[in-house]
Protein backbone atom coordinates (compact mmCIF):
# COMPACT_ATOMS: atom_id res chain seq x y z
CA MET A 1 16.28 12.16 8.53
CA THR A 2 16.89 13.62 4.84
CA THR A 3 14.85 15.72 3.30
CA GLN A 4 13.74 14.03 0.08
CA ILE A 5 12.32 15.89 -3.42
CA LEU A 6 8.81 14.13 -3.64
CA PHE A 7 6.65 14.48 -6.75
CA TYR A 8 2.80 14.37 -6.22
CA ASP A 9 0.19 13.09 -9.45
CA GLU A 10 -2.60 11.25 -9.32
CA ILE A 11 -3.77 8.55 -11.53
CA GLU A 12 -8.48 8.22 -11.27
CA THR A 13 -9.25 4.46 -10.65
CA PRO A 14 -12.71 2.45 -10.79
CA ILE A 15 -12.61 2.97 -7.04
CA GLY A 16 -11.76 6.78 -7.04
CA LYS A 17 -8.89 8.96 -7.24
CA GLY A 18 -5.54 7.43 -6.39
CA LEU A 19 -2.96 10.08 -4.89
CA LEU A 20 0.64 9.08 -5.76
CA ILE A 21 3.91 10.84 -4.56
CA THR A 22 7.61 9.54 -5.94
CA ASP A 23 11.37 10.65 -6.17
CA VAL A 24 13.73 11.94 -8.16
CA ASP A 25 14.70 8.52 -8.90
CA GLY A 26 11.05 7.79 -9.88
CA HIS A 27 10.80 5.18 -6.76
CA LEU A 28 6.86 4.81 -5.55
CA ARG A 29 7.00 6.70 -2.14
CA ALA A 30 3.19 6.74 -1.32
CA PHE A 31 0.09 5.66 -2.53
CA ASP A 32 -3.05 6.83 -1.06
CA TRP A 33 -6.81 7.64 -2.14
CA GLU A 34 -8.29 10.73 -2.48
CA GLY A 35 -10.70 11.91 0.35
CA TYR A 36 -7.65 10.48 2.77
CA GLU A 37 -5.29 13.32 2.28
CA ALA A 38 -5.24 14.20 6.38
CA ARG A 39 -3.24 10.86 6.22
CA PHE A 40 -1.61 10.70 3.42
CA LEU A 41 -0.04 14.06 4.62
CA ARG A 42 0.42 12.41 8.15
CA LEU A 43 2.38 9.45 7.03
CA LEU A 44 4.26 11.80 4.08
CA ARG A 45 5.48 13.44 7.57
CA LEU A 46 5.88 10.58 9.81
CA HIS A 47 8.41 8.82 6.85
CA TYR A 48 10.42 12.30 5.28
CA GLY A 49 9.96 15.17 8.20
CA ALA A 50 10.08 18.39 6.54
CA ALA A 51 9.80 17.34 2.99
CA THR A 52 7.17 18.04 0.84
CA PRO A 53 6.37 17.33 -2.77
CA VAL A 54 7.90 20.23 -4.95
CA ALA A 55 5.51 20.41 -7.49
CA PRO A 56 2.86 18.47 -9.23
CA LYS A 57 4.88 16.00 -11.60
CA PRO A 58 3.24 13.21 -13.50
CA ALA A 59 4.53 9.54 -11.66
CA PRO A 60 7.49 7.69 -14.05
CA VAL A 61 5.56 6.21 -16.70
CA ALA A 62 5.89 2.94 -16.15
CA ILE A 63 4.72 3.08 -13.01
CA ARG A 64 1.79 4.92 -14.09
CA HIS A 65 1.44 2.43 -16.67
CA ALA A 66 0.96 -0.19 -14.18
CA LEU A 67 -1.08 0.80 -12.15
CA GLU A 68 -3.43 1.88 -15.09
CA ALA A 69 -2.71 -2.08 -15.91
CA TYR A 70 -3.69 -2.99 -12.54
CA PHE A 71 -6.73 -1.40 -12.20
CA ALA A 72 -7.90 -2.01 -15.56
CA GLY A 73 -7.51 -5.99 -15.49
CA ASP A 74 -4.12 -7.09 -15.99
CA LEU A 75 -2.05 -8.08 -12.60
CA SER A 76 0.66 -8.78 -13.28
CA LEU A 77 2.62 -5.77 -13.45
CA LEU A 78 2.32 -4.24 -10.29
CA GLY A 79 5.28 -6.18 -8.80
CA SER A 80 7.06 -4.80 -11.46
CA ILE A 81 6.49 -0.95 -9.36
CA PRO A 82 9.80 0.21 -8.21
CA CYS A 83 9.06 1.29 -4.21
CA ALA A 84 11.10 3.40 -1.78
CA THR A 85 10.13 3.75 1.77
CA ALA A 86 11.62 4.90 4.81
CA GLY A 87 10.04 3.91 8.16
CA THR A 88 11.70 1.60 10.57
CA THR A 89 13.24 -2.12 10.25
CA PHE A 90 10.57 -3.83 10.93
CA GLN A 91 8.45 -2.08 9.60
CA ARG A 92 9.95 -2.18 6.35
CA ALA A 93 10.01 -5.99 7.16
CA VAL A 94 6.83 -6.21 7.27
CA TRP A 95 6.00 -4.22 3.98
CA ALA A 96 8.61 -6.45 2.22
CA ALA A 97 6.37 -9.26 3.35
CA LEU A 98 3.21 -7.88 2.56
CA ARG A 99 4.65 -7.54 -1.72
CA GLU A 100 5.39 -11.20 -1.05
CA ILE A 101 1.58 -11.89 -0.55
CA PRO A 102 0.22 -13.05 -3.75
CA ILE A 103 -2.40 -12.04 -5.77
CA GLY A 104 -5.67 -13.87 -5.33
CA GLN A 105 -4.39 -14.81 -1.65
CA THR A 106 -5.09 -13.39 1.77
CA MET A 107 -2.65 -13.49 4.98
CA SER A 108 -4.32 -13.20 8.13
CA TYR A 109 -1.85 -10.66 10.89
CA ALA A 110 -0.92 -13.95 12.80
CA ALA A 111 -0.19 -15.67 9.57
CA LEU A 112 2.32 -12.07 8.96
CA ALA A 113 3.94 -12.05 12.17
CA ALA A 114 4.62 -16.23 12.41
CA LYS A 115 6.25 -15.47 8.45
CA LEU A 116 8.45 -12.85 9.63
CA GLY A 117 9.88 -15.14 12.48
CA CYS A 118 7.76 -13.01 15.36
CA PRO A 119 4.81 -15.23 16.23
CA LYS A 120 3.73 -12.76 19.61
CA ALA A 121 3.93 -9.44 17.03
CA VAL A 122 0.42 -9.80 15.42
CA ARG A 123 -0.29 -6.03 16.98
CA ALA A 124 3.20 -4.60 15.77
CA VAL A 125 2.51 -6.22 12.89
CA GLY A 126 -1.17 -4.48 12.61
CA LEU A 127 0.78 -1.94 13.49
CA ALA A 128 3.17 -1.61 10.58
CA ASN A 129 0.74 -2.58 8.22
CA GLY A 130 -1.00 0.54 9.04
CA ALA A 131 1.51 2.78 8.48
CA ASN A 132 2.37 1.24 5.02
CA PRO A 133 2.70 3.96 3.04
CA ILE A 134 2.35 2.42 -0.50
CA GLY A 135 -1.25 0.88 -0.44
CA VAL A 136 -2.20 -1.56 -2.92
CA VAL A 137 1.10 -1.75 -4.03
CA VAL A 138 2.59 -2.67 -0.85
CA PRO A 139 -0.48 -4.94 -0.60
CA CYS A 140 -2.15 -4.27 2.77
CA HIS A 141 -5.56 -5.08 1.85
CA ARG A 142 -4.35 -8.26 1.37
CA VAL A 143 -4.32 -8.87 5.08
CA VAL A 144 -7.49 -9.83 7.10
CA GLY A 145 -8.60 -11.35 10.51
CA SER A 146 -7.77 -14.59 11.37
CA ASN A 147 -11.69 -15.87 10.70
CA GLY A 148 -10.93 -14.51 7.10
CA SER A 149 -13.19 -11.10 7.48
CA LEU A 150 -12.24 -7.97 6.41
CA THR A 151 -10.67 -5.56 9.01
CA GLY A 152 -9.51 -2.26 9.09
CA TYR A 153 -8.38 -0.71 5.52
CA ALA A 154 -7.12 2.90 5.25
CA GLY A 155 -8.97 3.62 1.85
CA GLY A 156 -11.93 2.14 3.14
CA LEU A 157 -13.83 -1.04 3.46
CA GLU A 158 -15.63 -1.14 0.49
CA ARG A 159 -12.02 -0.26 -1.40
CA LYS A 160 -10.89 -3.13 0.00
CA ARG A 161 -13.21 -5.39 -1.25
CA TRP A 162 -13.25 -4.17 -4.23
CA LEU A 163 -9.67 -4.58 -4.67
CA LEU A 164 -9.78 -8.28 -3.32
CA ALA A 165 -12.35 -9.01 -5.72
CA HIS A 166 -10.53 -7.39 -8.45
CA GLU A 167 -7.61 -9.85 -7.29
CA GLY A 168 -10.01 -12.93 -7.10
CA ALA A 169 -9.43 -13.47 -3.80
CA ALA A 170 -11.95 -15.55 -1.73
CA LEU A 171 -13.78 -13.53 0.68
CA ALA A 172 -15.51 -14.75 3.96
CA ALA A 173 -19.11 -14.86 4.14
CA ALA A 174 -18.80 -12.09 7.06
CA ALA A 175 -17.13 -9.60 5.04
């Protein structure tokens, strides 16, 4: 595992403070929520080993602008944010597939597994989804239960509900 130089920043959103990690190349490496720092740090250690953010440093203007626009209602720039992740080949495939779920739509874990050509890997897809270090931008919040109900979200179900409503997704009555 190669040591990365990582930088830490924060962004205010309507649903709490977002925590950002970027790299020297201007890629977003992690996005999580205030109050979930333990998970945030665990994923950073898991994906980047001993690397720690060297100092607070503002994220690149393009990343901040795209995130601010997203939370203000302009959903079009989210896909333009350059991301880089560690993780296994399978995890990266799941995370890439998450970015292909259109804004305003959801997909079940089973449908995501089938899309990846691994229809029996529903549990593995769920685990990869849960290990996603770049919440919101790699939209793990768009994955729901097979009946359309909300399932776990590392930032809490209320945030997941807000994100999906913000994107115009139809939510199941049980959600």
